[in-house]
Amino acid sequence: MDLLSPRPSVGQIKPYRPARPPRDGRRWIDLSLTHNPLGPSPLALDAYCEAATRIHCYPDWDQEPLRHAIARRHSIDVDHIVCTAGSEELIHLVAQAFAGPGDEVLCHERGYRGFLKAIRAAGAAAVVAAERDMVVDVEALIDRASERTKICFLANPNNPTGTYIPADAVQRLRAGLPPHTLLVLDSAYADYCRLPDYSDGTEIVENSDNVMLIRTFSKMHGLAGLRVGWGYGPATVIEAVNAIRGTFNVSLPAQLTAAAALSDAGHEEATFAHNAQWLPWLSRELERVGLRVYPSVCNFVLARVPTDPSLGTQAVIDHLAHRGILVKAVTEYGLSDCLRITVGREEENKALVVALAEILG
């Protein structure tokens, strides 16, 4: 008798293992995860505390107050919004709803690794298109599309590269994909990119029947620990996701806190201003101590460690850890000589640069 085993594609999934500081009593500077260094909005914290008095109740299964808050904030149709336990859950739900064994799903070379996990969990085949110097190559994605392509995932801006493609390139990608292919735009870092040629994809969704937009409360709004994501798309996609998502997939505190966060424009502006000040500073200082820094429009940078037989990425990571600083290795993206470093508070950024200068000279 054969032993019980999962489908072969599940065996290809490597569990995510974030950097974790030792429990040695020290105060660690965590620049490995892309959280908001300013924390959540005071209004969100008040809502969270109020929600604590109601945790004996089930959350709103229809997510109506939160969906209406999102619709008001972004001027979009409330009936075309769905909320999930983080944007990653939505990525998985879309993959499960629209792809399976025998299907293909497109993604880009150094796109968010959650895409591959969702594709394999659904039993579909991942087709990966090459990038050009850490930037999505639209033509390469179009060239890899076929009759079997059910979904195309695009992270824009992208994690971990920090790069983006302009709105006209996204339109070109949509026009070049087969009409039966769902284009999923993961715009988790859209709040940090206010360049005139960038769009989170809202207008593409509203003028198409095969485009889905995914957003999150984990970055700009500082609610990573609550796990709240949302999607905006055509009725067929929203209905499919609602059919398979957990009935109470977004907790009551998460819904109430996220809705309150949307009402605090001042916190959003403070977060954006902090990043606008310290992202270029950090990029310059990392270059000064010898790292190659790729241009980023997010709240992190991708930095390449110089080639040196006596020095490697792990040595840099170990040295920073000795100084109580965590950064992220990105070997799973084929970038074994690179680090992803989040923009922290002023004192955290300066401590990082000092520690890097010690080892890089």
Protein backbone atom coordinates (compact mmCIF):
# COMPACT_ATOMS: atom_id res chain seq x y z
CA MET A 1 0.00 0.00 0.00
CA ASP A 2 1.37 3.43 -0.98
CA LEU A 3 2.11 5.90 1.76
CA LEU A 4 -0.06 9.00 1.94
CA SER A 5 1.67 11.85 0.11
CA PRO A 6 0.73 15.31 -1.21
CA ARG A 7 0.65 16.13 -4.90
CA PRO A 8 4.17 16.46 -6.40
CA SER A 9 3.93 20.25 -6.81
CA VAL A 10 3.51 20.68 -3.05
CA GLY A 11 6.85 18.97 -2.55
CA GLN A 12 8.45 21.79 -4.56
CA ILE A 13 7.38 24.41 -2.02
CA LYS A 14 9.99 25.55 0.46
CA PRO A 15 8.49 26.97 3.67
CA TYR A 16 9.25 30.62 4.26
CA ARG A 17 11.74 31.16 7.05
CA PRO A 18 12.16 34.85 7.96
CA ALA A 19 15.17 36.06 9.88
CA ARG A 20 14.59 35.71 13.60
CA PRO A 21 16.64 37.37 16.34
CA PRO A 22 17.96 35.20 19.15
CA ARG A 23 16.03 35.58 22.39
CA ASP A 24 19.00 36.98 24.27
CA GLY A 25 17.35 40.01 25.81
CA ARG A 26 18.93 42.49 23.41
CA ARG A 27 16.92 45.10 21.53
CA TRP A 28 17.30 44.09 17.90
CA ILE A 29 17.00 46.36 14.88
CA ASP A 30 14.89 44.40 12.42
CA LEU A 31 15.41 45.64 8.86
CA SER A 32 14.65 42.23 7.34
CA LEU A 33 10.88 42.62 7.03
CA THR A 34 9.19 45.47 5.18
CA HIS A 35 7.10 46.81 8.04
CA ASN A 36 6.31 50.47 8.69
CA PRO A 37 9.02 51.87 11.02
CA LEU A 38 6.55 54.43 12.40
CA GLY A 39 4.07 51.76 13.43
CA PRO A 40 0.30 52.00 12.93
CA SER A 41 -1.92 55.05 13.08
CA PRO A 42 -3.12 56.18 16.53
CA LEU A 43 -6.66 55.94 15.15
CA ALA A 44 -6.00 52.33 14.18
CA LEU A 45 -4.66 51.58 17.66
CA ASP A 46 -7.79 53.09 19.25
CA ALA A 47 -9.98 50.93 17.01
CA TYR A 48 -7.95 47.84 17.89
CA CYS A 49 -8.39 48.46 21.60
CA GLU A 50 -12.12 48.96 21.13
CA ALA A 51 -12.30 45.75 19.12
CA ALA A 52 -10.84 43.85 22.09
CA THR A 53 -14.19 44.23 23.86
CA ARG A 54 -15.92 42.41 21.02
CA ILE A 55 -13.65 39.45 20.28
CA HIS A 56 -16.31 37.04 21.58
CA CYS A 57 -18.25 37.91 18.42
CA TYR A 58 -17.69 36.56 14.92
CA PRO A 59 -16.46 39.09 12.37
CA ASP A 60 -18.67 40.43 9.60
CA TRP A 61 -18.62 37.61 7.04
CA ASP A 62 -19.46 40.07 4.25
CA GLN A 63 -16.69 42.49 5.40
CA GLU A 64 -19.12 45.29 4.62
CA PRO A 65 -17.78 48.15 6.81
CA LEU A 66 -14.20 47.53 5.70
CA ARG A 67 -15.14 47.20 2.04
CA HIS A 68 -17.08 50.46 2.21
CA ALA A 69 -14.11 52.17 3.86
CA ILE A 70 -11.82 50.95 1.07
CA ALA A 71 -14.32 52.03 -1.58
CA ARG A 72 -14.55 55.55 -0.11
CA ARG A 73 -10.79 55.91 0.28
CA HIS A 74 -9.99 54.79 -3.27
CA SER A 75 -13.19 55.91 -5.05
CA ILE A 76 -13.97 52.43 -6.36
CA ASP A 77 -17.04 50.17 -6.53
CA VAL A 78 -17.67 48.45 -3.19
CA ASP A 79 -19.25 45.44 -4.94
CA HIS A 80 -15.97 44.67 -6.69
CA ILE A 81 -13.88 44.49 -3.50
CA VAL A 82 -12.95 41.42 -1.45
CA CYS A 83 -10.86 41.29 1.73
CA THR A 84 -8.53 38.52 2.86
CA ALA A 85 -6.09 37.59 5.60
CA GLY A 86 -3.22 39.48 4.02
CA SER A 87 -2.60 39.89 0.32
CA GLU A 88 -0.84 36.52 0.25
CA GLU A 89 -4.09 34.70 1.02
CA LEU A 90 -5.71 36.48 -1.92
CA ILE A 91 -2.88 35.40 -4.21
CA HIS A 92 -3.48 31.79 -3.15
CA LEU A 93 -7.26 32.07 -3.55
CA VAL A 94 -6.97 33.49 -7.07
CA ALA A 95 -4.55 30.70 -8.04
CA GLN A 96 -6.88 28.04 -6.64
CA ALA A 97 -9.93 29.53 -8.33
CA PHE A 98 -8.46 29.95 -11.81
CA ALA A 99 -5.60 27.46 -12.24
CA GLY A 100 -4.88 23.83 -11.54
CA PRO A 101 -3.14 20.72 -12.88
CA GLY A 102 -2.50 21.05 -16.62
CA ASP A 103 -2.62 24.87 -16.51
CA GLU A 104 0.23 27.34 -16.69
CA VAL A 105 0.71 30.51 -14.65
CA LEU A 106 3.13 33.24 -15.68
CA CYS A 107 5.36 35.17 -13.30
CA HIS A 108 8.58 37.13 -13.61
CA GLU A 109 12.08 36.02 -12.70
CA ARG A 110 12.53 37.91 -9.46
CA GLY A 111 8.88 38.52 -8.70
CA TYR A 112 7.49 38.00 -5.22
CA ARG A 113 8.10 34.36 -4.23
CA GLY A 114 4.57 34.05 -2.86
CA PHE A 115 3.49 33.70 -6.49
CA LEU A 116 5.42 30.44 -6.97
CA LYS A 117 4.10 29.06 -3.70
CA ALA A 118 0.50 29.75 -4.72
CA ILE A 119 1.00 28.32 -8.21
CA ARG A 120 2.48 25.08 -6.89
CA ALA A 121 -0.11 24.77 -4.14
CA ALA A 122 -2.80 24.95 -6.84
CA GLY A 123 -1.05 22.21 -8.83
CA ALA A 124 -0.40 24.41 -11.86
CA ALA A 125 2.88 24.81 -13.73
CA ALA A 126 4.90 27.99 -13.18
CA VAL A 127 6.32 29.66 -16.28
CA VAL A 128 8.99 32.21 -15.39
CA ALA A 129 9.94 35.07 -17.71
CA ALA A 130 13.39 36.67 -17.51
CA GLU A 131 13.88 40.25 -16.30
CA ARG A 132 16.31 42.94 -17.45
CA ASP A 133 18.60 44.28 -14.73
CA MET A 134 16.04 43.61 -11.98
CA VAL A 135 13.17 45.17 -13.97
CA VAL A 136 10.16 43.28 -15.37
CA ASP A 137 10.44 42.60 -19.12
CA VAL A 138 6.91 42.91 -20.51
CA GLU A 139 7.81 41.45 -23.89
CA ALA A 140 9.37 38.40 -22.23
CA LEU A 141 6.14 37.78 -20.31
CA ILE A 142 4.05 38.12 -23.46
CA ASP A 143 6.36 35.76 -25.35
CA ARG A 144 5.96 33.07 -22.68
CA ALA A 145 2.15 33.20 -22.70
CA SER A 146 0.20 30.36 -24.37
CA GLU A 147 -3.25 28.82 -24.62
CA ARG A 148 -2.55 27.11 -21.29
CA THR A 149 -1.79 30.37 -19.47
CA LYS A 150 -4.59 31.00 -17.00
CA ILE A 151 -2.97 33.70 -14.83
CA CYS A 152 -0.13 36.20 -15.10
CA PHE A 153 1.19 37.56 -11.80
CA LEU A 154 2.92 40.95 -11.84
CA ALA A 155 4.35 42.61 -8.72
CA ASN A 156 4.53 46.33 -9.40
CA PRO A 157 6.48 47.74 -7.60
CA ASN A 158 8.35 44.52 -7.05
CA ASN A 159 9.71 42.85 -3.93
CA PRO A 160 12.66 42.32 -3.46
CA THR A 161 14.08 44.46 -6.28
CA GLY A 162 12.21 47.68 -5.46
CA THR A 163 11.78 48.43 -9.17
CA TYR A 164 8.60 49.20 -11.11
CA ILE A 165 7.27 49.46 -14.63
CA PRO A 166 5.14 52.42 -15.81
CA ALA A 167 1.42 52.31 -16.47
CA ASP A 168 1.79 52.17 -20.24
CA ALA A 169 3.95 49.04 -19.93
CA VAL A 170 1.28 47.38 -17.78
CA GLN A 171 -1.30 48.28 -20.43
CA ARG A 172 0.97 46.78 -23.07
CA LEU A 173 1.21 43.58 -21.04
CA ARG A 174 -2.55 43.34 -20.65
CA ALA A 175 -3.08 43.88 -24.38
CA GLY A 176 -0.45 41.26 -25.26
CA LEU A 177 -1.79 38.47 -23.05
CA PRO A 178 -4.43 36.03 -24.32
CA PRO A 179 -7.98 37.21 -23.48
CA HIS A 180 -8.53 34.11 -21.31
CA THR A 181 -5.57 35.02 -19.05
CA LEU A 182 -6.23 36.81 -15.77
CA LEU A 183 -3.64 39.53 -15.13
CA VAL A 184 -3.10 39.89 -11.37
CA LEU A 185 -1.43 43.14 -10.31
CA ASP A 186 0.18 42.86 -6.89
CA SER A 187 0.49 46.51 -5.85
CA ALA A 188 1.48 45.96 -2.22
CA TYR A 189 3.99 48.84 -2.31
CA ALA A 190 1.92 51.22 -4.42
CA ASP A 191 1.51 53.73 -1.57
CA TYR A 192 5.24 54.48 -1.68
CA CYS A 193 5.37 55.21 -5.42
CA ARG A 194 3.95 58.58 -6.46
CA LEU A 195 5.79 58.97 -9.74
CA PRO A 196 3.67 60.45 -12.55
CA ASP A 197 4.06 57.44 -14.86
CA TYR A 198 3.10 54.87 -12.20
CA SER A 199 -0.37 53.48 -11.51
CA ASP A 200 -1.51 50.86 -9.04
CA GLY A 201 -3.74 49.53 -11.82
CA THR A 202 -7.16 50.74 -10.69
CA GLU A 203 -8.10 52.23 -14.06
CA ILE A 204 -6.89 49.09 -15.87
CA VAL A 205 -9.21 46.98 -13.72
CA GLU A 206 -12.13 49.30 -14.46
CA ASN A 207 -11.57 49.11 -18.21
CA SER A 208 -10.96 45.35 -18.44
CA ASP A 209 -12.72 42.11 -17.63
CA ASN A 210 -9.56 40.08 -16.98
CA VAL A 211 -7.47 42.21 -14.57
CA MET A 212 -7.34 41.91 -10.76
CA LEU A 213 -5.68 44.38 -8.37
CA ILE A 214 -4.27 43.29 -5.00
CA ARG A 215 -3.41 45.68 -2.15
CA THR A 216 -2.42 45.33 1.51
CA PHE A 217 -2.58 47.08 4.88
CA SER A 218 0.80 45.66 5.94
CA LYS A 219 3.09 48.35 4.52
CA MET A 220 1.95 51.99 4.55
CA HIS A 221 -0.73 51.37 7.21
CA GLY A 222 1.57 49.41 9.53
CA LEU A 223 -0.82 46.51 10.16
CA ALA A 224 1.41 43.59 9.12
CA GLY A 225 0.63 41.71 12.34
CA LEU A 226 -3.13 41.77 11.71
CA ARG A 227 -2.95 40.31 8.18
CA VAL A 228 -5.37 42.34 6.06
CA GLY A 229 -5.32 42.44 2.29
CA TRP A 230 -7.89 43.32 -0.33
CA GLY A 231 -8.58 42.92 -4.00
CA TYR A 232 -10.44 44.88 -6.67
CA GLY A 233 -11.55 43.14 -9.81
CA PRO A 234 -14.31 42.04 -12.16
CA ALA A 235 -17.42 40.41 -10.71
CA THR A 236 -16.44 36.94 -11.95
CA VAL A 237 -13.16 37.07 -10.03
CA ILE A 238 -14.66 38.52 -6.85
CA GLU A 239 -17.44 35.93 -6.88
CA ALA A 240 -14.96 33.09 -7.34
CA VAL A 241 -12.77 34.29 -4.47
CA ASN A 242 -15.78 34.76 -2.20
CA ALA A 243 -16.93 31.23 -3.03
CA ILE A 244 -13.74 29.60 -1.75
CA ARG A 245 -12.44 31.95 0.95
CA GLY A 246 -13.03 31.13 4.59
CA THR A 247 -16.34 32.53 5.80
CA PHE A 248 -14.68 34.54 8.58
CA ASN A 249 -11.22 34.85 7.03
CA VAL A 250 -10.55 38.42 8.23
CA SER A 251 -10.83 38.76 12.00
CA LEU A 252 -13.03 41.34 13.71
CA PRO A 253 -10.08 43.34 15.14
CA ALA A 254 -8.40 43.28 11.72
CA GLN A 255 -11.48 44.62 9.94
CA LEU A 256 -12.15 47.41 12.45
CA THR A 257 -8.50 48.46 12.72
CA ALA A 258 -7.96 48.51 8.96
CA ALA A 259 -11.07 50.62 8.40
CA ALA A 260 -9.85 53.14 11.00
CA ALA A 261 -6.38 53.24 9.43
CA LEU A 262 -7.89 54.43 6.15
CA SER A 263 -9.27 57.54 7.87
CA ASP A 264 -5.86 58.78 9.04
CA ALA A 265 -4.41 60.66 6.07
CA GLY A 266 -1.91 62.36 8.38
CA HIS A 267 -0.30 59.06 9.31
CA GLU A 268 -0.03 58.10 5.63
CA GLU A 269 1.65 61.41 4.82
CA ALA A 270 4.07 61.06 7.74
CA THR A 271 4.99 57.57 6.62
CA PHE A 272 5.51 58.69 3.02
CA ALA A 273 7.59 61.69 4.12
CA HIS A 274 9.78 59.52 6.35
CA ASN A 275 10.46 57.13 3.49
CA ALA A 276 11.01 59.97 1.01
CA GLN A 277 13.70 61.36 3.31
CA TRP A 278 15.49 58.19 4.39
CA LEU A 279 15.27 55.99 1.28
CA PRO A 280 17.64 58.22 -0.75
CA TRP A 281 19.85 58.80 2.31
CA LEU A 282 20.17 55.07 2.93
CA SER A 283 20.84 54.39 -0.75
CA ARG A 284 23.64 56.98 -0.86
CA GLU A 285 25.24 55.79 2.37
CA LEU A 286 25.17 52.12 1.34
CA GLU A 287 26.85 53.07 -1.93
CA ARG A 288 29.43 55.05 0.01
CA VAL A 289 30.47 52.02 2.09
CA GLY A 290 30.83 49.86 -1.02
CA LEU A 291 27.48 48.23 -1.82
CA ARG A 292 25.76 48.48 -5.19
CA VAL A 293 22.24 49.72 -4.56
CA TYR A 294 19.48 49.26 -7.14
CA PRO A 295 17.02 52.15 -7.58
CA SER A 296 13.96 51.55 -5.39
CA VAL A 297 10.50 53.12 -5.18
CA CYS A 298 9.55 51.05 -2.12
CA ASN A 299 10.38 51.18 1.59
CA PHE A 300 13.45 49.00 1.15
CA VAL A 301 16.53 48.68 -1.05
CA LEU A 302 18.22 45.76 -2.76
CA ALA A 303 21.99 45.98 -2.23
CA ARG A 304 24.70 43.84 -3.82
CA VAL A 305 27.72 42.88 -1.71
CA PRO A 306 31.04 43.49 -3.55
CA THR A 307 32.88 40.48 -4.91
CA ASP A 308 35.67 39.65 -2.47
CA PRO A 309 37.12 36.17 -1.85
CA SER A 310 37.50 37.00 1.84
CA LEU A 311 34.00 38.41 2.19
CA GLY A 312 30.57 37.01 1.36
CA THR A 313 26.97 37.87 1.98
CA GLN A 314 26.75 35.54 4.97
CA ALA A 315 29.77 37.21 6.57
CA VAL A 316 28.04 40.57 6.27
CA ILE A 317 24.80 39.15 7.70
CA ASP A 318 26.70 37.58 10.60
CA HIS A 319 28.56 40.81 11.34
CA LEU A 320 25.32 42.80 11.36
CA ALA A 321 23.70 40.22 13.61
CA HIS A 322 26.61 40.56 16.00
CA ARG A 323 25.74 44.26 16.12
CA GLY A 324 22.07 43.44 16.75
CA ILE A 325 20.83 44.20 13.21
CA LEU A 326 18.80 41.90 10.99
CA VAL A 327 18.64 42.17 7.18
CA LYS A 328 17.19 39.77 4.63
CA ALA A 329 19.16 37.39 2.43
CA VAL A 330 17.51 36.87 -0.97
CA THR A 331 19.16 33.66 -2.13
CA GLU A 332 15.77 32.18 -3.03
CA TYR A 333 15.58 34.79 -5.79
CA GLY A 334 18.90 33.71 -7.28
CA LEU A 335 20.56 36.72 -5.65
CA SER A 336 23.04 35.06 -3.34
CA ASP A 337 25.25 38.16 -3.27
CA CYS A 338 22.46 40.58 -2.39
CA LEU A 339 20.64 41.80 0.70
CA ARG A 340 17.22 43.40 1.04
CA ILE A 341 17.30 46.16 3.64
CA THR A 342 14.22 47.96 4.94
CA VAL A 343 14.24 51.70 5.59
CA GLY A 344 14.10 52.06 9.36
CA ARG A 345 14.01 54.92 11.80
CA GLU A 346 16.83 57.48 11.74
CA GLU A 347 18.84 55.84 14.50
CA GLU A 348 18.35 52.39 12.96
CA ASN A 349 19.51 53.51 9.51
CA LYS A 350 22.59 55.19 10.95
CA ALA A 351 23.46 52.16 13.12
CA LEU A 352 23.25 49.97 10.02
CA VAL A 353 25.62 52.16 8.02
CA VAL A 354 28.14 52.28 10.86
CA ALA A 355 28.07 48.48 11.20
CA LEU A 356 28.49 47.99 7.44
CA ALA A 357 31.40 50.40 7.31
CA GLU A 358 33.15 48.29 9.96
CA ILE A 359 33.17 45.18 7.78
CA LEU A 360 33.29 46.75 4.31
CA GLY A 361 35.89 49.32 5.17
